[in-house]
Structures are given as C-alpha cells and as structure tokens.
C-alpha cells in the first residue's frame, strides 16, 4: 500500500473513506499521519481484520495440519521465513 497516496486521497476527498489492516511499517508508528485522519474517514485495525466467526476453527485446522506435517517429517503448511521477515 502507498500510505502517502492514501493520505492525500482522504485529505482531498478523492475517496470518501478507507479501512486498512496492513501498513508499510507494522505496527503503524505513533507518528504516522494516518492516525490524524479521523474515524469518520479511516478505519484502522491491528492486522486482525480476518477475525471472523470461523477464525478459531480455521486457526485450529492450520495448527492440526502443521502438527500432522511435523509428526510425518513433512514441511509445515505455514513455514517461517526469517529472511522475508515473517
């Protein structure tokens, strides 16, 4: 996402509003101008917009798949890539 362009679009009423869950730097820095846009134009969530009714069931499904892969000596379905930063 291009945060400066989003900020400009919101401030100049090019778009009426936005909801964002992912930021260039996470967590969103305290000095980010996005914090000053206002709730009426911008909804910020803490990278948890996927918190839905099925969130925990899906999470346990992934956990079980990783456990099964680990026990079988297979690659995990959600590997950590330290070089990529996640």
PDB file of N, CA and C in Angstrom:
ATOM      1  N   UNK A   1       0.845  -1.174   0.000  1.00  0.00           N
ATOM      2  CA  UNK A   1       0.000   0.000   0.000  1.00  0.00           C
ATOM      3  C   UNK A   1       0.888   1.234   0.000  1.00  0.00           C
ATOM      4  N   UNK A   2       0.427   2.258  -0.639  1.00  0.00           N
ATOM      5  CA  UNK A   2       1.145   3.514  -0.692  1.00  0.00           C
ATOM      6  C   UNK A   2       0.454   4.475   0.280  1.00  0.00           C
ATOM      7  N   UNK A   3       0.970   4.563   1.500  1.00  0.00           N
ATOM      8  CA  UNK A   3       0.322   5.360   2.541  1.00  0.00           C
ATOM      9  C   UNK A   3       0.256   6.853   2.209  1.00  0.00           C
ATOM     10  N   UNK A   4       1.318   7.462   1.642  1.00  0.00           N
ATOM     11  CA  UNK A   4       1.205   8.889   1.291  1.00  0.00           C
ATOM     12  C   UNK A   4       0.079   9.161   0.291  1.00  0.00           C
ATOM     13  N   UNK A   5      -0.080   8.290  -0.701  1.00  0.00           N
ATOM     14  CA  UNK A   5      -1.159   8.475  -1.676  1.00  0.00           C
ATOM     15  C   UNK A   5      -2.528   8.293  -1.026  1.00  0.00           C
ATOM     16  N   UNK A   6      -2.646   7.326  -0.130  1.00  0.00           N
ATOM     17  CA  UNK A   6      -3.904   7.124   0.576  1.00  0.00           C
ATOM     18  C   UNK A   6      -4.236   8.354   1.407  1.00  0.00           C
ATOM     19  N   UNK A   7      -3.260   8.880   2.121  1.00  0.00           N
ATOM     20  CA  UNK A   7      -3.467  10.065   2.939  1.00  0.00           C
ATOM     21  C   UNK A   7      -3.931  11.241   2.075  1.00  0.00           C
ATOM     22  N   UNK A   8      -3.281  11.446   0.949  1.00  0.00           N
ATOM     23  CA  UNK A   8      -3.645  12.535   0.047  1.00  0.00           C
ATOM     24  C   UNK A   8      -5.074  12.351  -0.477  1.00  0.00           C
ATOM     25  N   UNK A   9      -5.419  11.133  -0.843  1.00  0.00           N
ATOM     26  CA  UNK A   9      -6.760  10.858  -1.360  1.00  0.00           C
ATOM     27  C   UNK A   9      -7.829  11.123  -0.305  1.00  0.00           C
ATOM     28  N   UNK A  10      -7.553  10.770   0.930  1.00  0.00           N
ATOM     29  CA  UNK A  10      -8.510  11.013   2.006  1.00  0.00           C
ATOM     30  C   UNK A  10      -8.624  12.498   2.333  1.00  0.00           C
ATOM     31  N   UNK A  11      -7.487  13.164   2.437  1.00  0.00           N
ATOM     32  CA  UNK A  11      -7.482  14.583   2.796  1.00  0.00           C
ATOM     33  C   UNK A  11      -8.114  15.455   1.710  1.00  0.00           C
ATOM     34  N   UNK A  12      -8.024  15.042   0.455  1.00  0.00           N
ATOM     35  CA  UNK A  12      -8.567  15.826  -0.653  1.00  0.00           C
ATOM     36  C   UNK A  12      -9.921  15.309  -1.144  1.00  0.00           C
ATOM     37  N   UNK A  13     -10.538  14.440  -0.355  1.00  0.00           N
ATOM     38  CA  UNK A  13     -11.859  13.882  -0.679  1.00  0.00           C
ATOM     39  C   UNK A  13     -11.898  13.215  -2.041  1.00  0.00           C
ATOM     40  N   UNK A  14     -10.767  12.665  -2.470  1.00  0.00           N
ATOM     41  CA  UNK A  14     -10.745  11.889  -3.715  1.00  0.00           C
ATOM     42  C   UNK A  14     -11.475  10.569  -3.482  1.00  0.00           C
ATOM     43  N   UNK A  15     -11.343  10.055  -2.263  1.00  0.00           N
ATOM     44  CA  UNK A  15     -12.131   8.901  -1.830  1.00  0.00           C
ATOM     45  C   UNK A  15     -12.825   9.284  -0.530  1.00  0.00           C
ATOM     46  N   UNK A  16     -13.967   8.692  -0.280  1.00  0.00           N
ATOM     47  CA  UNK A  16     -14.755   9.048   0.904  1.00  0.00           C
ATOM     48  C   UNK A  16     -14.201   8.435   2.177  1.00  0.00           C
ATOM     49  N   UNK A  17     -13.533   7.308   2.045  1.00  0.00           N
ATOM     50  CA  UNK A  17     -13.020   6.644   3.235  1.00  0.00           C
ATOM     51  C   UNK A  17     -12.284   5.383   2.876  1.00  0.00           C
ATOM     52  N   UNK A  18     -11.679   4.790   3.898  1.00  0.00           N
ATOM     53  CA  UNK A  18     -10.924   3.554   3.695  1.00  0.00           C
ATOM     54  C   UNK A  18     -10.884   2.769   4.999  1.00  0.00           C
ATOM     55  N   UNK A  19     -10.670   1.486   4.869  1.00  0.00           N
ATOM     56  CA  UNK A  19     -10.427   0.604   6.009  1.00  0.00           C
ATOM     57  C   UNK A  19      -9.167  -0.166   5.670  1.00  0.00           C
ATOM     58  N   UNK A  20      -8.158  -0.076   6.530  1.00  0.00           N
ATOM     59  CA  UNK A  20      -6.897  -0.758   6.241  1.00  0.00           C
ATOM     60  C   UNK A  20      -6.447  -1.581   7.443  1.00  0.00           C
ATOM     61  N   UNK A  21      -5.821  -2.679   7.129  1.00  0.00           N
ATOM     62  CA  UNK A  21      -5.415  -3.664   8.127  1.00  0.00           C
ATOM     63  C   UNK A  21      -3.922  -3.946   8.052  1.00  0.00           C
ATOM     64  N   UNK A  22      -3.273  -3.509   6.995  1.00  0.00           N
ATOM     65  CA  UNK A  22      -1.850  -3.777   6.775  1.00  0.00           C
ATOM     66  C   UNK A  22      -1.177  -2.457   6.448  1.00  0.00           C
ATOM     67  N   UNK A  23       0.003  -2.265   7.003  1.00  0.00           N
ATOM     68  CA  UNK A  23       0.704  -0.994   6.855  1.00  0.00           C
ATOM     69  C   UNK A  23       2.118  -1.227   6.359  1.00  0.00           C
ATOM     70  N   UNK A  24       2.732  -0.174   5.818  1.00  0.00           N
ATOM     71  CA  UNK A  24       4.118  -0.275   5.350  1.00  0.00           C
ATOM     72  C   UNK A  24       5.029  -0.700   6.485  1.00  0.00           C
ATOM     73  N   UNK A  25       4.822  -0.123   7.670  1.00  0.00           N
ATOM     74  CA  UNK A  25       5.559  -0.495   8.879  1.00  0.00           C
ATOM     75  C   UNK A  25       4.536  -0.956   9.898  1.00  0.00           C
ATOM     76  N   UNK A  26       4.756  -2.128  10.459  1.00  0.00           N
ATOM     77  CA  UNK A  26       3.827  -2.648  11.456  1.00  0.00           C
ATOM     78  C   UNK A  26       4.550  -2.871  12.772  1.00  0.00           C
ATOM     79  N   UNK A  27       3.935  -2.468  13.871  1.00  0.00           N
ATOM     80  CA  UNK A  27       2.657  -1.775  13.913  1.00  0.00           C
ATOM     81  C   UNK A  27       2.784  -0.366  13.342  1.00  0.00           C
ATOM     82  N   UNK A  28       1.650   0.235  13.026  1.00  0.00           N
ATOM     83  CA  UNK A  28       1.643   1.590  12.484  1.00  0.00           C
ATOM     84  C   UNK A  28       2.309   2.522  13.493  1.00  0.00           C
ATOM     85  N   UNK A  29       3.369   3.229  13.084  1.00  0.00           N
ATOM     86  CA  UNK A  29       4.084   4.096  14.026  1.00  0.00           C
ATOM     87  C   UNK A  29       3.180   5.169  14.631  1.00  0.00           C
ATOM     88  N   UNK A  30       3.455   5.528  15.862  1.00  0.00           N
ATOM     89  CA  UNK A  30       2.658   6.527  16.577  1.00  0.00           C
ATOM     90  C   UNK A  30       2.669   7.880  15.872  1.00  0.00           C
ATOM     91  N   UNK A  31       3.728   8.167  15.122  1.00  0.00           N
ATOM     92  CA  UNK A  31       3.812   9.467  14.452  1.00  0.00           C
ATOM     93  C   UNK A  31       3.267   9.434  13.021  1.00  0.00           C
ATOM     94  N   UNK A  32       2.629   8.347  12.625  1.00  0.00           N
ATOM     95  CA  UNK A  32       2.045   8.272  11.280  1.00  0.00           C
ATOM     96  C   UNK A  32       0.902   9.274  11.152  1.00  0.00           C
ATOM     97  N   UNK A  33       0.862  10.036  10.064  1.00  0.00           N
ATOM     98  CA  UNK A  33      -0.245  10.971   9.864  1.00  0.00           C
ATOM     99  C   UNK A  33      -1.588  10.278   9.656  1.00  0.00           C
ATOM    100  N   UNK A  34      -1.586   8.988   9.399  1.00  0.00           N
ATOM    101  CA  UNK A  34      -2.854   8.269   9.250  1.00  0.00           C
ATOM    102  C   UNK A  34      -3.666   8.316  10.542  1.00  0.00           C
ATOM    103  N   UNK A  35      -2.991   8.388  11.705  1.00  0.00           N
ATOM    104  CA  UNK A  35      -3.707   8.454  12.977  1.00  0.00           C
ATOM    105  C   UNK A  35      -4.555   9.720  13.081  1.00  0.00           C
ATOM    106  N   UNK A  36      -4.197  10.764  12.339  1.00  0.00           N
ATOM    107  CA  UNK A  36      -4.880  12.049  12.450  1.00  0.00           C
ATOM    108  C   UNK A  36      -6.004  12.247  11.437  1.00  0.00           C
ATOM    109  N   UNK A  37      -6.249  11.262  10.587  1.00  0.00           N
ATOM    110  CA  UNK A  37      -7.269  11.402   9.547  1.00  0.00           C
ATOM    111  C   UNK A  37      -8.664  11.532  10.148  1.00  0.00           C
ATOM    112  N   UNK A  38      -8.966  10.760  11.145  1.00  0.00           N
ATOM    113  CA  UNK A  38     -10.284  10.807  11.779  1.00  0.00           C
ATOM    114  C   UNK A  38     -11.094   9.563  11.505  1.00  0.00           C
ATOM    115  N   UNK A  39     -11.845   9.162  12.505  1.00  0.00           N
ATOM    116  CA  UNK A  39     -12.638   7.924  12.429  1.00  0.00           C
ATOM    117  C   UNK A  39     -13.717   7.957  11.361  1.00  0.00           C
ATOM    118  N   UNK A  40     -14.180   9.138  11.003  1.00  0.00           N
ATOM    119  CA  UNK A  40     -15.248   9.215  10.011  1.00  0.00           C
ATOM    120  C   UNK A  40     -14.755   8.879   8.606  1.00  0.00           C
ATOM    121  N   UNK A  41     -13.431   8.922   8.393  1.00  0.00           N
ATOM    122  CA  UNK A  41     -12.878   8.645   7.063  1.00  0.00           C
ATOM    123  C   UNK A  41     -12.005   7.397   7.022  1.00  0.00           C
ATOM    124  N   UNK A  42     -11.462   6.988   8.164  1.00  0.00           N
ATOM    125  CA  UNK A  42     -10.478   5.910   8.125  1.00  0.00           C
ATOM    126  C   UNK A  42     -10.656   4.951   9.293  1.00  0.00           C
ATOM    127  N   UNK A  43     -10.812   3.687   8.953  1.00  0.00           N
ATOM    128  CA  UNK A  43     -10.873   2.625   9.952  1.00  0.00           C
ATOM    129  C   UNK A  43      -9.536   1.899   9.923  1.00  0.00           C
ATOM    130  N   UNK A  44      -8.844   1.907  11.052  1.00  0.00           N
ATOM    131  CA  UNK A  44      -7.561   1.206  11.180  1.00  0.00           C
ATOM    132  C   UNK A  44      -7.770   0.005  12.084  1.00  0.00           C
ATOM    133  N   UNK A  45      -7.306  -1.146  11.650  1.00  0.00           N
ATOM    134  CA  UNK A  45      -7.349  -2.325  12.510  1.00  0.00           C
ATOM    135  C   UNK A  45      -5.932  -2.849  12.673  1.00  0.00           C
ATOM    136  N   UNK A  46      -5.722  -3.545  13.748  1.00  0.00           N
ATOM    137  CA  UNK A  46      -4.388  -4.016  14.116  1.00  0.00           C
ATOM    138  C   UNK A  46      -4.053  -5.348  13.454  1.00  0.00           C
ATOM    139  N   UNK A  47      -4.090  -5.360  12.144  1.00  0.00           N
ATOM    140  CA  UNK A  47      -3.782  -6.553  11.360  1.00  0.00           C
ATOM    141  C   UNK A  47      -4.590  -7.763  11.850  1.00  0.00           C
ATOM    142  N   UNK A  48      -5.863  -7.514  12.104  1.00  0.00           N
ATOM    143  CA  UNK A  48      -6.738  -8.601  12.555  1.00  0.00           C
ATOM    144  C   UNK A  48      -8.121  -8.531  11.919  1.00  0.00           C
ATOM    145  N   UNK A  49      -8.202  -7.985  10.713  1.00  0.00           N
ATOM    146  CA  UNK A  49      -9.493  -7.881  10.043  1.00  0.00           C
ATOM    147  C   UNK A  49     -10.054  -9.250   9.675  1.00  0.00           C
ATOM    148  N   UNK A  50      -9.225 -10.265   9.786  1.00  0.00           N
ATOM    149  CA  UNK A  50      -9.698 -11.610   9.469  1.00  0.00           C
ATOM    150  C   UNK A  50     -10.386 -12.266  10.663  1.00  0.00           C
ATOM    151  N   UNK A  51     -10.607 -11.537  11.737  1.00  0.00           N
ATOM    152  CA  UNK A  51     -11.239 -12.084  12.926  1.00  0.00           C
ATOM    153  C   UNK A  51     -12.732 -12.257  12.661  1.00  0.00           C
ATOM    154  N   UNK A  52     -13.069 -13.410  12.130  1.00  0.00           N
ATOM    155  CA  UNK A  52     -14.434 -13.706  11.727  1.00  0.00           C
ATOM    156  C   UNK A  52     -15.002 -14.832  12.575  1.00  0.00           C
ATOM    157  N   UNK A  53     -16.221 -15.208  12.294  1.00  0.00           N
ATOM    158  CA  UNK A  53     -16.868 -16.285  13.039  1.00  0.00           C
ATOM    159  C   UNK A  53     -16.073 -17.596  12.961  1.00  0.00           C
ATOM    160  N   UNK A  54     -15.413 -17.824  11.839  1.00  0.00           N
ATOM    161  CA  UNK A  54     -14.675 -19.080  11.663  1.00  0.00           C
ATOM    162  C   UNK A  54     -13.191 -18.964  12.031  1.00  0.00           C
ATOM    163  N   UNK A  55     -12.778 -17.826  12.575  1.00  0.00           N
ATOM    164  CA  UNK A  55     -11.369 -17.549  12.855  1.00  0.00           C
ATOM    165  C   UNK A  55     -10.703 -18.672  13.664  1.00  0.00           C
ATOM    166  N   UNK A  56     -11.275 -19.028  14.809  1.00  0.00           N
ATOM    167  CA  UNK A  56     -10.637 -20.019  15.679  1.00  0.00           C
ATOM    168  C   UNK A  56     -10.661 -21.419  15.063  1.00  0.00           C
ATOM    169  N   UNK A  57     -11.773 -21.774  14.403  1.00  0.00           N
ATOM    170  CA  UNK A  57     -11.833 -23.098  13.772  1.00  0.00           C
ATOM    171  C   UNK A  57     -10.766 -23.208  12.695  1.00  0.00           C
ATOM    172  N   UNK A  58     -10.633 -22.182  11.874  1.00  0.00           N
ATOM    173  CA  UNK A  58      -9.614 -22.210  10.823  1.00  0.00           C
ATOM    174  C   UNK A  58      -8.215 -22.230  11.418  1.00  0.00           C
ATOM    175  N   UNK A  59      -8.021 -21.495  12.493  1.00  0.00           N
ATOM    176  CA  UNK A  59      -6.722 -21.498  13.162  1.00  0.00           C
ATOM    177  C   UNK A  59      -6.352 -22.885  13.678  1.00  0.00           C
ATOM    178  N   UNK A  60      -7.311 -23.557  14.297  1.00  0.00           N
ATOM    179  CA  UNK A  60      -7.054 -24.914  14.784  1.00  0.00           C
ATOM    180  C   UNK A  60      -6.820 -25.877  13.620  1.00  0.00           C
ATOM    181  N   UNK A  61      -7.493 -25.669  12.498  1.00  0.00           N
ATOM    182  CA  UNK A  61      -7.272 -26.514  11.315  1.00  0.00           C
ATOM    183  C   UNK A  61      -5.828 -26.383  10.831  1.00  0.00           C
ATOM    184  N   UNK A  62      -5.321 -25.153  10.799  1.00  0.00           N
ATOM    185  CA  UNK A  62      -3.930 -24.930  10.377  1.00  0.00           C
ATOM    186  C   UNK A  62      -2.980 -25.545  11.388  1.00  0.00           C
ATOM    187  N   UNK A  63      -3.258 -25.359  12.672  1.00  0.00           N
ATOM    188  CA  UNK A  63      -2.413 -25.940  13.722  1.00  0.00           C
ATOM    189  C   UNK A  63      -2.359 -27.465  13.581  1.00  0.00           C
ATOM    190  N   UNK A  64      -3.514 -28.088  13.370  1.00  0.00           N
ATOM    191  CA  UNK A  64      -3.569 -29.544  13.232  1.00  0.00           C
ATOM    192  C   UNK A  64      -2.803 -30.003  11.991  1.00  0.00           C
ATOM    193  N   UNK A  65      -2.918 -29.258  10.895  1.00  0.00           N
ATOM    194  CA  UNK A  65      -2.188 -29.611   9.667  1.00  0.00           C
ATOM    195  C   UNK A  65      -0.679 -29.502   9.893  1.00  0.00           C
ATOM    196  N   UNK A  66      -0.246 -28.473  10.622  1.00  0.00           N
ATOM    197  CA  UNK A  66       1.182 -28.340  10.936  1.00  0.00           C
ATOM    198  C   UNK A  66       1.655 -29.457  11.850  1.00  0.00           C
ATOM    199  N   UNK A  67       0.854 -29.817  12.832  1.00  0.00           N
ATOM    200  CA  UNK A  67       1.230 -30.920  13.734  1.00  0.00           C
ATOM    201  C   UNK A  67       1.367 -32.219  12.949  1.00  0.00           C
ATOM    202  N   UNK A  68       0.399 -32.483  12.078  1.00  0.00           N
ATOM    203  CA  UNK A  68       0.441 -33.693  11.264  1.00  0.00           C
ATOM    204  C   UNK A  68       1.703 -33.709  10.388  1.00  0.00           C
ATOM    205  N   UNK A  69       1.999 -32.579   9.747  1.00  0.00           N
ATOM    206  CA  UNK A  69       3.189 -32.492   8.898  1.00  0.00           C
ATOM    207  C   UNK A  69       4.450 -32.696   9.724  1.00  0.00           C
ATOM    208  N   UNK A  70       4.504 -32.090  10.894  1.00  0.00           N
ATOM    209  CA  UNK A  70       5.683 -32.234  11.759  1.00  0.00           C
ATOM    210  C   UNK A  70       5.886 -33.694  12.161  1.00  0.00           C
ATOM    211  N   UNK A  71       4.820 -34.337  12.574  1.00  0.00           N
ATOM    212  CA  UNK A  71       4.924 -35.735  13.011  1.00  0.00           C
ATOM    213  C   UNK A  71       5.319 -36.670  11.873  1.00  0.00           C
ATOM    214  N   UNK A  72       4.958 -36.298  10.647  1.00  0.00           N
ATOM    215  CA  UNK A  72       5.303 -37.120   9.480  1.00  0.00           C
ATOM    216  C   UNK A  72       6.636 -36.717   8.851  1.00  0.00           C
ATOM    217  N   UNK A  73       7.267 -35.679   9.421  1.00  0.00           N
ATOM    218  CA  UNK A  73       8.536 -35.213   8.872  1.00  0.00           C
ATOM    219  C   UNK A  73       8.386 -34.467   7.557  1.00  0.00           C
ATOM    220  N   UNK A  74       7.212 -33.917   7.336  1.00  0.00           N
ATOM    221  CA  UNK A  74       6.938 -33.170   6.104  1.00  0.00           C
ATOM    222  C   UNK A  74       7.052 -31.669   6.368  1.00  0.00           C
ATOM    223  N   UNK A  75       7.145 -30.865   5.309  1.00  0.00           N
ATOM    224  CA  UNK A  75       7.205 -29.411   5.503  1.00  0.00           C
ATOM    225  C   UNK A  75       5.912 -28.886   6.138  1.00  0.00           C
ATOM    226  N   UNK A  76       6.048 -27.881   6.988  1.00  0.00           N
ATOM    227  CA  UNK A  76       4.886 -27.265   7.604  1.00  0.00           C
ATOM    228  C   UNK A  76       4.081 -26.502   6.549  1.00  0.00           C
ATOM    229  N   UNK A  77       2.788 -26.369   6.792  1.00  0.00           N
ATOM    230  CA  UNK A  77       1.948 -25.641   5.841  1.00  0.00           C
ATOM    231  C   UNK A  77       2.096 -24.128   6.000  1.00  0.00           C
ATOM    232  N   UNK A  78       2.613 -23.688   7.131  1.00  0.00           N
ATOM    233  CA  UNK A  78       2.843 -22.258   7.375  1.00  0.00           C
ATOM    234  C   UNK A  78       4.265 -22.058   7.887  1.00  0.00           C
ATOM    235  N   UNK A  79       5.249 -22.231   7.021  1.00  0.00           N
ATOM    236  CA  UNK A  79       6.645 -22.108   7.492  1.00  0.00           C
ATOM    237  C   UNK A  79       7.013 -20.657   7.794  1.00  0.00           C
ATOM    238  N   UNK A  80       7.990 -20.506   8.678  1.00  0.00           N
ATOM    239  CA  UNK A  80       8.535 -19.174   8.981  1.00  0.00           C
ATOM    240  C   UNK A  80       9.680 -18.915   8.032  1.00  0.00           C
ATOM    241  N   UNK A  81       9.681 -17.738   7.413  1.00  0.00           N
ATOM    242  CA  UNK A  81      10.749 -17.337   6.516  1.00  0.00           C
ATOM    243  C   UNK A  81      11.438 -16.124   7.134  1.00  0.00           C
ATOM    244  N   UNK A  82      12.475 -16.361   7.937  1.00  0.00           N
ATOM    245  CA  UNK A  82      13.145 -15.276   8.628  1.00  0.00           C
ATOM    246  C   UNK A  82      13.743 -14.259   7.670  1.00  0.00           C
ATOM    247  N   UNK A  83      14.184 -14.696   6.517  1.00  0.00           N
ATOM    248  CA  UNK A  83      14.769 -13.772   5.532  1.00  0.00           C
ATOM    249  C   UNK A  83      13.717 -12.797   5.003  1.00  0.00           C
ATOM    250  N   UNK A  84      12.472 -13.260   4.912  1.00  0.00           N
ATOM    251  CA  UNK A  84      11.391 -12.403   4.430  1.00  0.00           C
ATOM    252  C   UNK A  84      10.798 -11.559   5.559  1.00  0.00           C
ATOM    253  N   UNK A  85      11.150 -11.876   6.796  1.00  0.00           N
ATOM    254  CA  UNK A  85      10.672 -11.102   7.925  1.00  0.00           C
ATOM    255  C   UNK A  85       9.369 -11.585   8.535  1.00  0.00           C
ATOM    256  N   UNK A  86       8.980 -12.823   8.217  1.00  0.00           N
ATOM    257  CA  UNK A  86       7.761 -13.360   8.817  1.00  0.00           C
ATOM    258  C   UNK A  86       7.870 -14.861   9.011  1.00  0.00           C
TER     259      UNK A  86
END
